[in-house]
Amino acid sequence: MANFCKTGVIARMRNAPAHIAVPVGAFFILGGFLSILPVFGLWMFPVGLAIMAPHIPAAGRLERRLLRWSLRKGFIRIKRVKRDTGEVQKERGQAENHGARM
C-alpha cells in the first residue's frame, strides 16, 4: 500500500507544475460538490485538496484541519503496528537457528 501512495495519481499530481495541478484539483473539488450525480462523489473533495495542497497554502491548511477532525471523530482510524527493532529480530533469528541445530 505504501508503494501505491508513492506512485499513485495523487502523488504524481502533487509533483506536477502548479498550472496543471491547480485546475485538476479545482475540478475534483467542484466534482465533490456535485455528489448527487452518479459519477461524482464526496470522495473527490479531499482528493482535490490533496492535489492542490503543495501549491496553495490555504488548501494545505484545510486538508490538515479536515484530517485532524476526521481522526478525532473516528471517521479515519490509523492502525498502529508494533515494529521490532533489528536487535530483537537478530535475537529471534539466533534462537530459531539454535533450535534447528538441536
Foldseek 3Di string as FASTA:
>chain_A
DVVCVCPDPLNVLLPDDPVPQLVVLVVLLVLCVVQVDDVGHVVSNLSSLSSCCVPDVVSVVVNVVVVVVCVVVVVDDDDDDDDDDPVVVVVVVVVVVVVVVD
